[in-house]
Amino acid sequence: MTTSRAHARGSVTEPVLALFGPTASGKTAVAEAVAERIPAEIVSADSMQVYRGLPILTAQPERPTRLVAVWELDHDASVGEYQHLAQQAIDEILAAGKAPIVVGGTGLYFRAALADLDLPPAPTPGARERWESIYDEQGGVRAHGLLSESDPETAATVHPNDRRRVVRALELAESGVSLRAGQSRLWTDATRHPTVVFGLDLAKEELDQRIEARAREMFAKGVRAEVERALSAPMSDTARHALGLAELAEHSDDEPAVEALIRRTRRYASYQRKWMRRIPDLVSLPANRPPGETADEILEVARARQRLPAGRAG
């Protein structure tokens, strides 16, 4: 991958290691195995792990990880805000002579951490609430019709039932910006620092089994009580999109809730796999083996491309 600009303190020799994959593919375990082998710090690129209060539901790692649990649930997150924090964290890790390991399953956050993206602007104060009211009061079809009038190209790619994207597109159109135009510039092979991007590949059947096992483990750990506590307090619109939150709120019995969570997670994993296929220069690695073996291969590939910090003593 190419470098769009040099590090502020001089030429960069340590690469950024980036690891993408669908949920339950073992990203966290592999990243932690890498960090056990070299001086490194992990940076999360997950749009829901940034929130406090849902550690079980969002599968937050136990090992100290940058950008995990940094915002309260009532914070309305944005990709631009995350990008600033992620790039700052990466620069700090590099300045300390360590290798940043960016780990994520949220494609847009993953790219925002690695590259200078031309992101759509944040909405003007009150605009989101106003468009949400229009959507809720007049219906998705009418709101989508308004979008067709102001931004027909985006309207052709957004379904009327997709409330979040219709509202966001209307916000941007009001500001003279197209959601479609912004999204088309998100993917690039230019990164801020020398970067090696890895993707964890797993057969669908095995991934489905892991997703089911993870969902049932969440319930065994007490995710029901965690979600009830979270829903009893103020929560932003972005936090409400946490995977599984709606399923637990809708079903009072655990078995229907866990089955609904499994179905939704499998759909999301399919979406993540599509994102992974769009990442330029991605090094695909099999994930059906111990995390340490995958970590060793990551380091072997990275050392062949860039100089890494020396391994840990002992």
C-alpha atoms as a PDB file:
ATOM      1  CA  MET A   1       0.000   0.000   0.000  1.00  0.00           C
ATOM      2  CA  THR A   2       1.131   3.539  -0.634  1.00  0.00           C
ATOM      3  CA  THR A   3       1.661   6.305   1.892  1.00  0.00           C
ATOM      4  CA  SER A   4      -0.198   9.574   1.510  1.00  0.00           C
ATOM      5  CA  ARG A   5       2.042  11.513   3.887  1.00  0.00           C
ATOM      6  CA  ALA A   6       5.047  10.995   6.117  1.00  0.00           C
ATOM      7  CA  HIS A   7       4.789  10.717   9.871  1.00  0.00           C
ATOM      8  CA  ALA A   8       5.065  14.056  11.633  1.00  0.00           C
ATOM      9  CA  ARG A   9       8.260  12.989  13.399  1.00  0.00           C
ATOM     10  CA  GLY A  10      10.044  11.730  10.324  1.00  0.00           C
ATOM     11  CA  SER A  11      10.003   8.703   8.049  1.00  0.00           C
ATOM     12  CA  VAL A  12       7.947   5.780   9.262  1.00  0.00           C
ATOM     13  CA  THR A  13       9.603   2.390   9.503  1.00  0.00           C
ATOM     14  CA  GLU A  14       7.066   0.476  11.598  1.00  0.00           C
ATOM     15  CA  PRO A  15       4.010  -0.491   9.559  1.00  0.00           C
ATOM     16  CA  VAL A  16       0.434  -0.329  10.714  1.00  0.00           C
ATOM     17  CA  LEU A  17      -1.035  -3.817  10.914  1.00  0.00           C
ATOM     18  CA  ALA A  18      -4.735  -3.853  10.055  1.00  0.00           C
ATOM     19  CA  LEU A  19      -7.007  -6.842  10.629  1.00  0.00           C
ATOM     20  CA  PHE A  20     -10.538  -7.101   9.238  1.00  0.00           C
ATOM     21  CA  GLY A  21     -13.055  -9.894   9.310  1.00  0.00           C
ATOM     22  CA  PRO A  22     -16.671 -10.789  10.030  1.00  0.00           C
ATOM     23  CA  THR A  23     -17.960 -10.990  13.577  1.00  0.00           C
ATOM     24  CA  ALA A  24     -16.935 -14.182  15.414  1.00  0.00           C
ATOM     25  CA  SER A  25     -14.043 -14.822  13.007  1.00  0.00           C
ATOM     26  CA  GLY A  26     -11.506 -14.457  15.834  1.00  0.00           C
ATOM     27  CA  LYS A  27     -10.092 -10.990  15.111  1.00  0.00           C
ATOM     28  CA  THR A  28      -9.580 -10.058  18.757  1.00  0.00           C
ATOM     29  CA  ALA A  29      -7.771 -13.274  19.656  1.00  0.00           C
ATOM     30  CA  VAL A  30      -5.464 -12.975  16.643  1.00  0.00           C
ATOM     31  CA  ALA A  31      -4.685  -9.320  17.348  1.00  0.00           C
ATOM     32  CA  GLU A  32      -3.874 -10.110  20.967  1.00  0.00           C
ATOM     33  CA  ALA A  33      -1.612 -12.964  19.860  1.00  0.00           C
ATOM     34  CA  VAL A  34       0.275 -10.546  17.596  1.00  0.00           C
ATOM     35  CA  ALA A  35       0.595  -8.042  20.455  1.00  0.00           C
ATOM     36  CA  GLU A  36       2.091 -10.784  22.636  1.00  0.00           C
ATOM     37  CA  ARG A  37       4.875 -11.287  20.094  1.00  0.00           C
ATOM     38  CA  ILE A  38       5.971  -7.708  19.339  1.00  0.00           C
ATOM     39  CA  PRO A  39       5.724  -4.284  20.988  1.00  0.00           C
ATOM     40  CA  ALA A  40       2.280  -3.227  19.816  1.00  0.00           C
ATOM     41  CA  GLU A  41      -1.011  -1.672  20.836  1.00  0.00           C
ATOM     42  CA  ILE A  42      -4.454  -2.543  19.529  1.00  0.00           C
ATOM     43  CA  VAL A  43      -6.858   0.059  18.158  1.00  0.00           C
ATOM     44  CA  SER A  44     -10.510  -0.934  17.827  1.00  0.00           C
ATOM     45  CA  ALA A  45     -12.351  -0.049  14.623  1.00  0.00           C
ATOM     46  CA  ASP A  46     -15.810  -1.094  15.774  1.00  0.00           C
ATOM     47  CA  SER A  47     -18.707   1.369  15.716  1.00  0.00           C
ATOM     48  CA  MET A  48     -20.354  -0.156  18.808  1.00  0.00           C
ATOM     49  CA  GLN A  49     -17.350  -1.024  20.980  1.00  0.00           C
ATOM     50  CA  VAL A  50     -16.750   2.729  21.340  1.00  0.00           C
ATOM     51  CA  TYR A  51     -19.710   2.812  23.777  1.00  0.00           C
ATOM     52  CA  ARG A  52     -19.639   2.154  27.498  1.00  0.00           C
ATOM     53  CA  GLY A  53     -22.334   0.043  29.094  1.00  0.00           C
ATOM     54  CA  LEU A  54     -22.595  -2.820  26.586  1.00  0.00           C
ATOM     55  CA  PRO A  55     -19.394  -4.844  27.030  1.00  0.00           C
ATOM     56  CA  ILE A  56     -21.092  -8.226  26.609  1.00  0.00           C
ATOM     57  CA  LEU A  57     -23.361  -7.307  23.701  1.00  0.00           C
ATOM     58  CA  THR A  58     -20.548  -5.614  21.751  1.00  0.00           C
ATOM     59  CA  ALA A  59     -17.955  -8.308  22.635  1.00  0.00           C
ATOM     60  CA  GLN A  60     -15.493  -5.805  24.047  1.00  0.00           C
ATOM     61  CA  PRO A  61     -11.994  -7.229  24.566  1.00  0.00           C
ATOM     62  CA  GLU A  62     -10.621  -7.715  28.067  1.00  0.00           C
ATOM     63  CA  ARG A  63      -7.126  -6.631  27.036  1.00  0.00           C
ATOM     64  CA  PRO A  64      -6.562  -2.829  27.100  1.00  0.00           C
ATOM     65  CA  THR A  65      -7.542  -1.596  23.633  1.00  0.00           C
ATOM     66  CA  ARG A  66      -7.638   1.926  22.278  1.00  0.00           C
ATOM     67  CA  LEU A  67     -11.097   3.362  21.455  1.00  0.00           C
ATOM     68  CA  VAL A  68     -13.089   0.818  23.423  1.00  0.00           C
ATOM     69  CA  ALA A  69     -15.725   2.228  25.832  1.00  0.00           C
ATOM     70  CA  VAL A  70     -14.782   5.863  25.196  1.00  0.00           C
ATOM     71  CA  TRP A  71     -18.308   7.321  24.845  1.00  0.00           C
ATOM     72  CA  GLU A  72     -21.433   7.178  26.968  1.00  0.00           C
ATOM     73  CA  LEU A  73     -24.518   5.624  25.397  1.00  0.00           C
ATOM     74  CA  ASP A  74     -26.183   9.001  24.957  1.00  0.00           C
ATOM     75  CA  HIS A  75     -23.319  10.237  22.766  1.00  0.00           C
ATOM     76  CA  ASP A  76     -24.265  10.624  19.100  1.00  0.00           C
ATOM     77  CA  ALA A  77     -21.188   9.206  17.403  1.00  0.00           C
ATOM     78  CA  SER A  78     -19.881  10.183  13.981  1.00  0.00           C
ATOM     79  CA  VAL A  79     -17.285   8.664  11.690  1.00  0.00           C
ATOM     80  CA  GLY A  80     -15.446  11.983  11.558  1.00  0.00           C
ATOM     81  CA  GLU A  81     -15.090  12.126  15.332  1.00  0.00           C
ATOM     82  CA  TYR A  82     -13.927   8.531  15.427  1.00  0.00           C
ATOM     83  CA  GLN A  83     -11.432   9.157  12.615  1.00  0.00           C
ATOM     84  CA  HIS A  84      -9.762  11.962  14.566  1.00  0.00           C
ATOM     85  CA  LEU A  85      -9.374   9.800  17.685  1.00  0.00           C
ATOM     86  CA  ALA A  86      -8.202   6.726  15.775  1.00  0.00           C
ATOM     87  CA  GLN A  87      -5.576   8.538  13.748  1.00  0.00           C
ATOM     88  CA  GLN A  88      -4.335  10.310  16.867  1.00  0.00           C
ATOM     89  CA  ALA A  89      -4.000   6.950  18.636  1.00  0.00           C
ATOM     90  CA  ILE A  90      -2.127   5.410  15.705  1.00  0.00           C
ATOM     91  CA  ASP A  91       0.301   8.340  15.571  1.00  0.00           C
ATOM     92  CA  GLU A  92       0.950   8.089  19.320  1.00  0.00           C
ATOM     93  CA  ILE A  93       1.653   4.361  19.095  1.00  0.00           C
ATOM     94  CA  LEU A  94       4.058   4.853  16.193  1.00  0.00           C
ATOM     95  CA  ALA A  95       5.801   7.691  18.025  1.00  0.00           C
ATOM     96  CA  ALA A  96       6.404   5.281  20.917  1.00  0.00           C
ATOM     97  CA  GLY A  97       8.161   2.860  18.562  1.00  0.00           C
ATOM     98  CA  LYS A  98       5.368   0.302  18.613  1.00  0.00           C
ATOM     99  CA  ALA A  99       3.229  -1.233  15.904  1.00  0.00           C
ATOM    100  CA  PRO A 100      -0.443  -0.206  15.847  1.00  0.00           C
ATOM    101  CA  ILE A 101      -2.817  -3.103  15.237  1.00  0.00           C
ATOM    102  CA  VAL A 102      -6.113  -1.768  13.880  1.00  0.00           C
ATOM    103  CA  VAL A 103      -8.844  -4.354  14.374  1.00  0.00           C
ATOM    104  CA  GLY A 104     -12.385  -4.041  13.191  1.00  0.00           C
ATOM    105  CA  GLY A 105     -15.466  -5.336  11.566  1.00  0.00           C
ATOM    106  CA  THR A 106     -17.053  -1.963  10.822  1.00  0.00           C
ATOM    107  CA  GLY A 107     -15.826  -1.227   7.315  1.00  0.00           C
ATOM    108  CA  LEU A 108     -16.192   2.538   7.408  1.00  0.00           C
ATOM    109  CA  TYR A 109     -14.502   2.893  10.812  1.00  0.00           C
ATOM    110  CA  PHE A 110     -11.722   0.591   9.633  1.00  0.00           C
ATOM    111  CA  ARG A 111     -11.004   2.751   6.609  1.00  0.00           C
ATOM    112  CA  ALA A 112     -11.381   5.972   8.590  1.00  0.00           C
ATOM    113  CA  ALA A 113      -8.618   4.852  10.943  1.00  0.00           C
ATOM    114  CA  LEU A 114      -6.229   4.047   8.117  1.00  0.00           C
ATOM    115  CA  ALA A 115      -6.809   6.751   5.521  1.00  0.00           C
ATOM    116  CA  ASP A 116      -7.753  10.405   5.195  1.00  0.00           C
ATOM    117  CA  LEU A 117     -11.293  10.005   3.931  1.00  0.00           C
ATOM    118  CA  ASP A 118     -13.414  12.712   2.385  1.00  0.00           C
ATOM    119  CA  LEU A 119     -16.241  12.217   4.856  1.00  0.00           C
ATOM    120  CA  PRO A 120     -19.683  13.794   4.607  1.00  0.00           C
ATOM    121  CA  PRO A 121     -20.112  16.712   7.030  1.00  0.00           C
ATOM    122  CA  ALA A 122     -21.812  16.383  10.385  1.00  0.00           C
ATOM    123  CA  PRO A 123     -25.465  17.438  10.363  1.00  0.00           C
ATOM    124  CA  THR A 124     -26.426  20.960  11.364  1.00  0.00           C
ATOM    125  CA  PRO A 125     -27.933  21.201  14.876  1.00  0.00           C
ATOM    126  CA  GLY A 126     -31.533  20.044  14.909  1.00  0.00           C
ATOM    127  CA  ALA A 127     -31.534  18.808  11.312  1.00  0.00           C
ATOM    128  CA  ARG A 128     -31.528  15.124  12.213  1.00  0.00           C
ATOM    129  CA  GLU A 129     -34.426  15.470  14.642  1.00  0.00           C
ATOM    130  CA  ARG A 130     -36.430  17.470  12.087  1.00  0.00           C
ATOM    131  CA  TRP A 131     -35.952  14.914   9.293  1.00  0.00           C
ATOM    132  CA  GLU A 132     -36.641  12.039  11.683  1.00  0.00           C
ATOM    133  CA  SER A 133     -39.941  13.697  12.620  1.00  0.00           C
ATOM    134  CA  ILE A 134     -40.828  14.076   8.952  1.00  0.00           C
ATOM    135  CA  TYR A 135     -39.991  10.417   8.322  1.00  0.00           C
ATOM    136  CA  ASP A 136     -42.000   9.216  11.334  1.00  0.00           C
ATOM    137  CA  GLU A 137     -45.006  11.476  10.791  1.00  0.00           C
ATOM    138  CA  GLN A 138     -45.297  11.349   7.003  1.00  0.00           C
ATOM    139  CA  GLY A 139     -43.888   7.875   6.432  1.00  0.00           C
ATOM    140  CA  GLY A 140     -40.862   6.411   4.700  1.00  0.00           C
ATOM    141  CA  VAL A 141     -42.377   6.635   1.218  1.00  0.00           C
ATOM    142  CA  ARG A 142     -43.027  10.360   1.537  1.00  0.00           C
ATOM    143  CA  ALA A 143     -39.587  11.033   3.040  1.00  0.00           C
ATOM    144  CA  HIS A 144     -37.985   9.012   0.260  1.00  0.00           C
ATOM    145  CA  GLY A 145     -39.978  11.073  -2.231  1.00  0.00           C
ATOM    146  CA  LEU A 146     -38.477  14.249  -0.781  1.00  0.00           C
ATOM    147  CA  LEU A 147     -35.049  12.680  -1.174  1.00  0.00           C
ATOM    148  CA  SER A 148     -35.836  11.825  -4.806  1.00  0.00           C
ATOM    149  CA  GLU A 149     -36.557  15.496  -5.431  1.00  0.00           C
ATOM    150  CA  SER A 150     -33.334  16.765  -3.835  1.00  0.00           C
ATOM    151  CA  ASP A 151     -30.901  13.919  -4.615  1.00  0.00           C
ATOM    152  CA  PRO A 152     -32.320  11.418  -7.122  1.00  0.00           C
ATOM    153  CA  GLU A 153     -29.036   9.491  -7.515  1.00  0.00           C
ATOM    154  CA  THR A 154     -28.855   8.707  -3.806  1.00  0.00           C
ATOM    155  CA  ALA A 155     -32.587   7.971  -3.637  1.00  0.00           C
ATOM    156  CA  ALA A 156     -32.108   5.286  -6.280  1.00  0.00           C
ATOM    157  CA  THR A 157     -29.700   3.443  -3.944  1.00  0.00           C
ATOM    158  CA  VAL A 158     -31.599   3.819  -0.644  1.00  0.00           C
ATOM    159  CA  HIS A 159     -34.740   1.875   0.255  1.00  0.00           C
ATOM    160  CA  PRO A 160     -37.658   3.887   1.715  1.00  0.00           C
ATOM    161  CA  ASN A 161     -37.696   1.565   4.748  1.00  0.00           C
ATOM    162  CA  ASP A 162     -34.066   2.354   5.587  1.00  0.00           C
ATOM    163  CA  ARG A 163     -34.927   5.163   8.018  1.00  0.00           C
ATOM    164  CA  ARG A 164     -31.370   5.910   9.081  1.00  0.00           C
ATOM    165  CA  ARG A 165     -29.958   6.327   5.580  1.00  0.00           C
ATOM    166  CA  VAL A 166     -32.966   8.222   4.235  1.00  0.00           C
ATOM    167  CA  VAL A 167     -32.681  10.698   7.112  1.00  0.00           C
ATOM    168  CA  ARG A 168     -28.926  11.067   6.696  1.00  0.00           C
ATOM    169  CA  ALA A 169     -29.265  11.542   2.946  1.00  0.00           C
ATOM    170  CA  LEU A 170     -31.863  14.263   3.486  1.00  0.00           C
ATOM    171  CA  GLU A 171     -29.545  15.988   5.987  1.00  0.00           C
ATOM    172  CA  LEU A 172     -26.714  16.013   3.491  1.00  0.00           C
ATOM    173  CA  ALA A 173     -28.872  17.054   0.573  1.00  0.00           C
ATOM    174  CA  GLU A 174     -30.049  20.019   2.611  1.00  0.00           C
ATOM    175  CA  SER A 175     -26.383  21.004   3.022  1.00  0.00           C
ATOM    176  CA  GLY A 176     -25.716  20.629  -0.697  1.00  0.00           C
ATOM    177  CA  VAL A 177     -23.839  17.322  -0.326  1.00  0.00           C
ATOM    178  CA  SER A 178     -24.748  13.915  -1.723  1.00  0.00           C
ATOM    179  CA  LEU A 179     -24.468  10.813   0.419  1.00  0.00           C
ATOM    180  CA  ARG A 180     -23.751   8.802  -2.717  1.00  0.00           C
ATOM    181  CA  ALA A 181     -20.896  11.108  -3.775  1.00  0.00           C
ATOM    182  CA  GLY A 182     -19.303  10.883  -0.353  1.00  0.00           C
ATOM    183  CA  GLN A 183     -19.522   7.119  -0.200  1.00  0.00           C
ATOM    184  CA  SER A 184     -17.953   6.735  -3.646  1.00  0.00           C
ATOM    185  CA  ARG A 185     -14.733   8.302  -2.376  1.00  0.00           C
ATOM    186  CA  LEU A 186     -14.402   6.201   0.758  1.00  0.00           C
ATOM    187  CA  TRP A 187     -12.295   3.401  -0.673  1.00  0.00           C
ATOM    188  CA  THR A 188      -8.746   4.142  -1.683  1.00  0.00           C
ATOM    189  CA  ASP A 189      -5.452   2.266  -1.714  1.00  0.00           C
ATOM    190  CA  ALA A 190      -3.682   5.270  -0.144  1.00  0.00           C
ATOM    191  CA  THR A 191      -3.095   5.092   3.612  1.00  0.00           C
ATOM    192  CA  ARG A 192      -1.589   7.594   6.037  1.00  0.00           C
ATOM    193  CA  HIS A 193       1.232   5.231   7.012  1.00  0.00           C
ATOM    194  CA  PRO A 194       2.716   2.078   5.467  1.00  0.00           C
ATOM    195  CA  THR A 195      -0.005  -0.458   6.147  1.00  0.00           C
ATOM    196  CA  VAL A 196      -0.466  -4.183   5.671  1.00  0.00           C
ATOM    197  CA  VAL A 197      -4.124  -5.218   5.687  1.00  0.00           C
ATOM    198  CA  PHE A 198      -5.150  -8.750   6.592  1.00  0.00           C
ATOM    199  CA  GLY A 199      -8.556 -10.382   6.308  1.00  0.00           C
ATOM    200  CA  LEU A 200      -9.726 -13.422   8.242  1.00  0.00           C
ATOM    201  CA  ASP A 201     -11.491 -15.912   6.000  1.00  0.00           C
ATOM    202  CA  LEU A 202     -13.720 -18.636   7.367  1.00  0.00           C
ATOM    203  CA  ALA A 203     -16.138 -21.044   5.693  1.00  0.00           C
ATOM    204  CA  LYS A 204     -19.737 -19.915   6.095  1.00  0.00           C
ATOM    205  CA  GLU A 205     -20.756 -23.092   7.906  1.00  0.00           C
ATOM    206  CA  GLU A 206     -18.074 -22.689  10.568  1.00  0.00           C
ATOM    207  CA  LEU A 207     -18.724 -18.974  10.911  1.00  0.00           C
ATOM    208  CA  ASP A 208     -22.433 -19.663  11.428  1.00  0.00           C
ATOM    209  CA  GLN A 209     -21.565 -22.121  14.197  1.00  0.00           C
ATOM    210  CA  ARG A 210     -19.295 -19.600  15.898  1.00  0.00           C
ATOM    211  CA  ILE A 211     -21.964 -16.912  15.698  1.00  0.00           C
ATOM    212  CA  GLU A 212     -24.502 -19.182  17.384  1.00  0.00           C
ATOM    213  CA  ALA A 213     -22.020 -20.177  20.093  1.00  0.00           C
ATOM    214  CA  ARG A 214     -21.141 -16.520  20.763  1.00  0.00           C
ATOM    215  CA  ALA A 215     -24.795 -15.498  20.985  1.00  0.00           C
ATOM    216  CA  ARG A 216     -25.598 -18.212  23.502  1.00  0.00           C
ATOM    217  CA  GLU A 217     -22.484 -17.362  25.509  1.00  0.00           C
ATOM    218  CA  MET A 218     -23.652 -13.729  25.709  1.00  0.00           C
ATOM    219  CA  PHE A 219     -26.897 -14.838  27.338  1.00  0.00           C
ATOM    220  CA  ALA A 220     -24.997 -17.061  29.759  1.00  0.00           C
ATOM    221  CA  LYS A 221     -22.878 -14.051  30.761  1.00  0.00           C
ATOM    222  CA  GLY A 222     -25.922 -11.889  31.491  1.00  0.00           C
ATOM    223  CA  VAL A 223     -26.466  -9.828  28.350  1.00  0.00           C
ATOM    224  CA  ARG A 224     -30.186  -9.548  29.121  1.00  0.00           C
ATOM    225  CA  ALA A 225     -29.563  -7.556  32.326  1.00  0.00           C
ATOM    226  CA  GLU A 226     -26.909  -5.479  30.578  1.00  0.00           C
ATOM    227  CA  VAL A 227     -29.310  -4.425  27.836  1.00  0.00           C
ATOM    228  CA  GLU A 228     -32.123  -3.672  30.294  1.00  0.00           C
ATOM    229  CA  ARG A 229     -29.811  -1.340  32.221  1.00  0.00           C
ATOM    230  CA  ALA A 230     -28.738   0.382  29.015  1.00  0.00           C
ATOM    231  CA  LEU A 231     -32.303   0.877  27.777  1.00  0.00           C
ATOM    232  CA  SER A 232     -33.375   2.401  31.084  1.00  0.00           C
ATOM    233  CA  ALA A 233     -31.044   5.387  30.500  1.00  0.00           C
ATOM    234  CA  PRO A 234     -30.805   7.979  27.708  1.00  0.00           C
ATOM    235  CA  MET A 235     -29.395   6.497  24.505  1.00  0.00           C
ATOM    236  CA  SER A 236     -28.378   8.110  21.229  1.00  0.00           C
ATOM    237  CA  ASP A 237     -29.729   7.057  17.849  1.00  0.00           C
ATOM    238  CA  THR A 238     -26.344   5.659  16.847  1.00  0.00           C
ATOM    239  CA  ALA A 239     -26.013   3.595  20.042  1.00  0.00           C
ATOM    240  CA  ARG A 240     -29.463   2.103  19.456  1.00  0.00           C
ATOM    241  CA  HIS A 241     -28.072   0.420  16.338  1.00  0.00           C
ATOM    242  CA  ALA A 242     -25.939  -1.917  18.468  1.00  0.00           C
ATOM    243  CA  LEU A 243     -26.295  -5.399  17.064  1.00  0.00           C
ATOM    244  CA  GLY A 244     -28.765  -7.354  19.215  1.00  0.00           C
ATOM    245  CA  LEU A 245     -30.226  -4.425  21.134  1.00  0.00           C
ATOM    246  CA  ALA A 246     -33.520  -4.455  19.218  1.00  0.00           C
ATOM    247  CA  GLU A 247     -33.772  -8.242  19.376  1.00  0.00           C
ATOM    248  CA  LEU A 248     -33.472  -8.309  23.168  1.00  0.00           C
ATOM    249  CA  ALA A 249     -35.863  -5.395  23.554  1.00  0.00           C
ATOM    250  CA  GLU A 250     -38.458  -7.110  21.351  1.00  0.00           C
ATOM    251  CA  HIS A 251     -38.352 -10.604  22.892  1.00  0.00           C
ATOM    252  CA  SER A 252     -38.888 -11.070  26.610  1.00  0.00           C
ATOM    253  CA  ASP A 253     -37.998 -14.779  26.492  1.00  0.00           C
ATOM    254  CA  ASP A 254     -34.374 -15.718  25.988  1.00  0.00           C
ATOM    255  CA  GLU A 255     -34.762 -18.416  23.333  1.00  0.00           C
ATOM    256  CA  PRO A 256     -36.660 -16.277  20.788  1.00  0.00           C
ATOM    257  CA  ALA A 257     -34.248 -13.437  21.525  1.00  0.00           C
ATOM    258  CA  VAL A 258     -31.138 -15.536  20.994  1.00  0.00           C
ATOM    259  CA  GLU A 259     -32.538 -16.985  17.768  1.00  0.00           C
ATOM    260  CA  ALA A 260     -33.314 -13.490  16.482  1.00  0.00           C
ATOM    261  CA  LEU A 261     -29.835 -12.323  17.460  1.00  0.00           C
ATOM    262  CA  ILE A 262     -28.245 -15.246  15.624  1.00  0.00           C
ATOM    263  CA  ARG A 263     -30.217 -14.505  12.452  1.00  0.00           C
ATOM    264  CA  ARG A 264     -29.346 -10.824  12.474  1.00  0.00           C
ATOM    265  CA  THR A 265     -25.673 -11.461  13.255  1.00  0.00           C
ATOM    266  CA  ARG A 266     -25.398 -13.890  10.372  1.00  0.00           C
ATOM    267  CA  ARG A 267     -26.841 -11.274   8.021  1.00  0.00           C
ATOM    268  CA  TYR A 268     -24.373  -8.725   9.331  1.00  0.00           C
ATOM    269  CA  ALA A 269     -21.482 -11.166   8.893  1.00  0.00           C
ATOM    270  CA  SER A 270     -22.482 -11.621   5.252  1.00  0.00           C
ATOM    271  CA  TYR A 271     -22.388  -7.844   4.835  1.00  0.00           C
ATOM    272  CA  GLN A 272     -18.939  -7.706   6.454  1.00  0.00           C
ATOM    273  CA  ARG A 273     -17.620 -10.353   4.083  1.00  0.00           C
ATOM    274  CA  LYS A 274     -18.746  -8.177   1.170  1.00  0.00           C
ATOM    275  CA  TRP A 275     -16.859  -5.220   2.637  1.00  0.00           C
ATOM    276  CA  MET A 276     -13.767  -7.367   3.028  1.00  0.00           C
ATOM    277  CA  ARG A 277     -13.764  -8.251  -0.666  1.00  0.00           C
ATOM    278  CA  ARG A 278     -13.601  -4.519  -1.489  1.00  0.00           C
ATOM    279  CA  ILE A 279     -10.450  -3.796   0.543  1.00  0.00           C
ATOM    280  CA  PRO A 280      -7.490  -3.114  -1.799  1.00  0.00           C
ATOM    281  CA  ASP A 281      -4.367  -5.285  -1.415  1.00  0.00           C
ATOM    282  CA  LEU A 282      -5.881  -7.367   1.364  1.00  0.00           C
ATOM    283  CA  VAL A 283      -3.907 -10.435   2.467  1.00  0.00           C
ATOM    284  CA  SER A 284      -6.472 -13.164   3.097  1.00  0.00           C
ATOM    285  CA  LEU A 285      -5.688 -15.629   5.893  1.00  0.00           C
ATOM    286  CA  PRO A 286      -7.562 -18.776   6.967  1.00  0.00           C
ATOM    287  CA  ALA A 287      -9.116 -18.374  10.411  1.00  0.00           C
ATOM    288  CA  ASN A 288      -9.852 -22.031  11.106  1.00  0.00           C
ATOM    289  CA  ARG A 289      -6.705 -22.539  13.203  1.00  0.00           C
ATOM    290  CA  PRO A 290      -5.270 -21.391  16.549  1.00  0.00           C
ATOM    291  CA  PRO A 291      -4.865 -17.604  16.818  1.00  0.00           C
ATOM    292  CA  GLY A 292      -1.138 -17.952  17.420  1.00  0.00           C
ATOM    293  CA  GLU A 293      -0.603 -19.614  14.046  1.00  0.00           C
ATOM    294  CA  THR A 294      -2.434 -16.803  12.283  1.00  0.00           C
ATOM    295  CA  ALA A 295      -0.445 -14.247  14.280  1.00  0.00           C
ATOM    296  CA  ASP A 296       2.820 -15.873  13.206  1.00  0.00           C
ATOM    297  CA  GLU A 297       1.817 -15.682   9.555  1.00  0.00           C
ATOM    298  CA  ILE A 298       0.814 -12.032   9.937  1.00  0.00           C
ATOM    299  CA  LEU A 299       4.240 -11.190  11.343  1.00  0.00           C
ATOM    300  CA  GLU A 300       6.003 -13.188   8.640  1.00  0.00           C
ATOM    301  CA  VAL A 301       4.167 -11.293   5.899  1.00  0.00           C
ATOM    302  CA  ALA A 302       4.622  -7.930   7.614  1.00  0.00           C
ATOM    303  CA  ARG A 303       8.352  -8.435   8.157  1.00  0.00           C
ATOM    304  CA  ALA A 304       8.784  -9.303   4.510  1.00  0.00           C
ATOM    305  CA  ARG A 305       7.207  -5.951   3.562  1.00  0.00           C
ATOM    306  CA  GLN A 306       8.242  -3.544   6.316  1.00  0.00           C
ATOM    307  CA  ARG A 307      10.528  -3.415   9.329  1.00  0.00           C
ATOM    308  CA  LEU A 308       8.726  -4.314  12.539  1.00  0.00           C
ATOM    309  CA  PRO A 309       9.778  -3.552  16.126  1.00  0.00           C
ATOM    310  CA  ALA A 310      11.935  -6.215  17.720  1.00  0.00           C
ATOM    311  CA  GLY A 311      10.160  -9.103  19.391  1.00  0.00           C
ATOM    312  CA  ARG A 312       9.532  -9.185  23.118  1.00  0.00           C
ATOM    313  CA  ALA A 313      12.283 -10.450  25.349  1.00  0.00           C
ATOM    314  CA  GLY A 314      11.882 -13.887  26.842  1.00  0.00           C
END
